Protein backbone atom coordinates (compact mmCIF):
# COMPACT_ATOMS: atom_id res chain seq x y z
CA MET A 1 -19.49 -11.58 -20.92
CA ASN A 2 -17.58 -8.33 -20.31
CA THR A 3 -13.90 -8.88 -21.11
CA THR A 4 -12.69 -5.30 -20.79
CA ALA A 5 -10.45 -4.50 -17.85
CA PRO A 6 -11.85 -2.01 -15.36
CA SER A 7 -10.48 1.51 -15.56
CA LEU A 8 -8.04 2.27 -12.79
CA MET A 9 -7.97 5.56 -10.91
CA PRO A 10 -4.68 7.56 -10.90
CA GLY A 11 -3.76 6.39 -7.38
CA GLN A 12 -4.43 2.77 -8.35
CA LEU A 13 -2.12 3.16 -11.35
CA LEU A 14 0.62 4.43 -9.02
CA ALA A 15 -0.04 1.50 -6.69
CA ARG A 16 0.37 -0.92 -9.59
CA GLY A 17 3.78 0.52 -10.42
CA VAL A 18 4.79 0.44 -6.74
CA CYS A 19 3.74 -3.19 -6.40
CA ARG A 20 5.71 -4.14 -9.50
CA HIS A 21 8.79 -2.36 -8.15
CA MET A 22 8.52 -3.98 -4.74
CA LEU A 23 8.68 -7.41 -6.39
CA SER A 24 12.17 -6.50 -7.63
CA HIS A 25 13.20 -6.07 -3.98
CA GLY A 26 11.76 -9.45 -2.97
CA PHE A 27 8.61 -7.99 -1.37
CA VAL A 28 5.05 -9.17 -1.85
CA THR A 29 2.25 -6.62 -1.69
CA VAL A 30 -1.43 -6.13 -1.05
CA GLU A 31 -3.50 -3.05 -1.76
CA GLU A 32 -6.11 -1.36 0.43
CA LEU A 33 -5.32 -3.24 3.64
CA VAL A 34 -7.08 -2.13 6.83
CA PRO A 35 -4.59 -2.23 9.74
CA ALA A 36 -7.10 -0.78 12.21
CA ARG A 37 -10.63 0.62 12.18
CA GLY A 38 -10.76 3.89 10.22
CA LEU A 39 -7.46 3.31 8.38
CA ARG A 40 -6.80 1.83 4.94
CA VAL A 41 -3.30 1.83 3.48
CA ASP A 42 -2.85 2.02 -0.27
CA VAL A 43 -0.05 -0.57 -0.42
CA MET A 44 1.40 -2.78 2.29
CA ALA A 45 4.58 -4.64 1.41
CA LEU A 46 5.97 -7.66 3.22
CA GLY A 47 9.69 -8.22 2.74
CA PRO A 48 11.81 -11.35 2.63
CA LYS A 49 12.96 -10.84 6.23
CA GLY A 50 9.46 -10.07 7.50
CA GLU A 51 9.81 -6.29 7.23
CA ILE A 52 6.59 -4.35 6.69
CA TRP A 53 6.43 -1.19 4.61
CA VAL A 54 3.43 1.06 4.02
CA ILE A 55 3.31 3.08 0.79
CA GLU A 56 0.68 5.78 0.34
CA CYS A 57 0.01 6.73 -3.29
CA LYS A 58 -0.86 10.37 -3.95
CA SER A 59 -1.94 11.33 -7.43
CA SER A 60 -2.25 15.08 -6.90
CA ARG A 61 -1.77 17.98 -4.51
CA ALA A 62 -5.47 17.81 -3.57
CA ASP A 63 -5.20 14.08 -2.90
CA PHE A 64 -2.29 14.72 -0.52
CA THR A 65 -3.76 17.73 1.29
CA SER A 66 -7.06 15.92 1.90
CA ASP A 67 -5.28 13.03 3.65
CA ASN A 68 -5.36 13.71 7.38
CA LYS A 69 -4.92 10.10 8.53
CA TRP A 70 -1.47 9.21 7.20
CA GLN A 71 0.30 9.60 10.56
CA GLY A 72 -1.94 6.85 11.92
CA TYR A 73 -0.26 4.43 9.51
CA LEU A 74 3.19 4.89 11.06
CA GLU A 75 2.53 2.57 13.99
CA TRP A 76 1.67 -0.30 11.62
CA CYS A 77 4.92 -0.53 9.64
CA ASP A 78 8.71 -0.60 9.85
CA ARG A 79 9.09 2.00 7.08
CA TYR A 80 6.68 4.52 5.56
CA PHE A 81 6.79 5.90 2.00
CA TRP A 82 4.90 8.28 -0.23
CA ALA A 83 4.55 7.29 -3.89
CA VAL A 84 3.89 10.11 -6.34
CA ASP A 85 4.36 10.70 -10.04
CA ALA A 86 7.22 12.69 -11.53
CA SER A 87 5.17 15.90 -11.75
CA PHE A 88 4.08 15.90 -8.08
CA PRO A 89 5.45 18.83 -5.98
CA THR A 90 7.53 16.66 -3.61
CA GLU A 91 8.36 19.65 -1.39
CA LEU A 92 4.84 19.22 0.05
CA LEU A 93 5.70 15.81 1.48
CA PRO A 94 6.83 15.63 5.11
CA GLU A 95 10.53 15.15 5.80
CA GLY A 96 11.40 11.99 7.65
CA SER A 97 9.40 9.73 5.36
CA GLY A 98 10.35 7.69 2.33
CA LEU A 99 9.71 8.76 -1.24
CA MET A 100 9.04 6.78 -4.40
CA ILE A 101 8.50 8.22 -7.83
CA ALA A 102 6.09 5.94 -9.65
CA ASP A 103 3.99 5.48 -12.73
CA SER A 104 1.67 2.67 -13.74
CA TYR A 105 4.57 0.43 -14.81
CA ASP A 106 7.26 0.83 -12.15
CA ALA A 107 8.64 2.97 -9.36
CA GLU A 108 11.97 4.09 -7.98
CA ILE A 109 12.91 4.64 -4.36
CA MET A 110 14.25 8.18 -4.18
CA ARG A 111 14.52 8.40 -0.40
CA MET A 112 14.48 5.47 2.01
CA GLY A 113 11.96 5.84 4.81
CA PRO A 114 13.51 5.74 8.27
CA GLU A 115 13.25 2.41 10.05
CA ASP A 116 11.12 2.17 13.18
CA LYS A 117 10.84 -1.55 13.86
CA LEU A 118 7.50 -2.95 14.93
CA ALA A 119 7.26 -4.76 18.24
CA PRO A 120 7.15 -8.56 17.74
CA ALA A 121 3.50 -8.83 18.84
CA ARG A 122 2.44 -6.04 16.44
CA ARG A 123 4.45 -7.64 13.61
CA LYS A 124 2.68 -10.97 14.21
CA VAL A 125 -0.72 -9.24 14.02
CA MET A 126 0.22 -7.43 10.81
CA VAL A 127 1.59 -10.55 9.10
CA GLN A 128 -1.67 -12.33 10.00
CA LYS A 129 -3.74 -9.41 8.61
CA PHE A 130 -1.59 -9.39 5.46
CA ALA A 131 -2.06 -13.13 4.90
CA THR A 132 -5.81 -12.98 5.59
CA HIS A 133 -6.26 -9.99 3.27
CA ALA A 134 -4.28 -11.68 0.49
CA ALA A 135 -6.18 -14.96 0.86
CA ARG A 136 -9.56 -13.17 0.77
CA ARG A 137 -8.54 -11.25 -2.35
CA LEU A 138 -7.42 -14.44 -4.06
CA HIS A 139 -10.62 -16.24 -3.03
CA GLY A 140 -12.70 -13.35 -4.42
CA PHE A 141 -10.74 -13.45 -7.67
CA ARG A 142 -11.10 -17.21 -8.06
CA ASP A 143 -14.76 -17.26 -6.97
CA PRO A 144 -16.43 -13.92 -7.80
CA GLY A 145 -19.71 -15.15 -6.27
CA VAL A 146 -18.15 -15.05 -2.82
CA ALA A 147 -17.15 -11.37 -3.12
CA ALA A 148 -20.24 -10.19 -1.24
CA PHE A 149 -19.14 -12.24 1.76
CA ILE A 150 -15.53 -11.03 1.57
CA ASP A 151 -16.14 -7.28 1.00
CA GLY A 152 -16.62 -5.32 4.16
CA SER A 153 -14.94 -7.95 6.29
CA GLY A 154 -12.20 -5.52 7.32
CA GLY A 155 -9.38 -7.84 6.33
């Protein structure tokens, strides 16, 4: 039986710190949620009042410059953030978006993303996707044999 934890990629380490930080604000999080075909957000956070934030984790300049889909995430959240480490050249990041400085243990909100509230129907869809994604992840964790049925389901 292999008891070693899998190695996490730099972006996954940032996501871990972001998720930990969001807990301190009363948010729950999921990673790698698919809001629509062709999109996959790094972290989606659901707040205590039903607010939905998307946080994209960028581990390097190349990681950021190769991302040409991020604007497609804006219509799926109330606030949008970038999460980068302390050495990232933040001047590359677009103005008008939130900023978190993160590491694998925590994060700090440096700039609040502007609020653009989702329409009630879109919010309902996203909360349903969030719940389904979280339940599938938990099911896969509790019953690894079912992972083949869960992976690729788009949720």
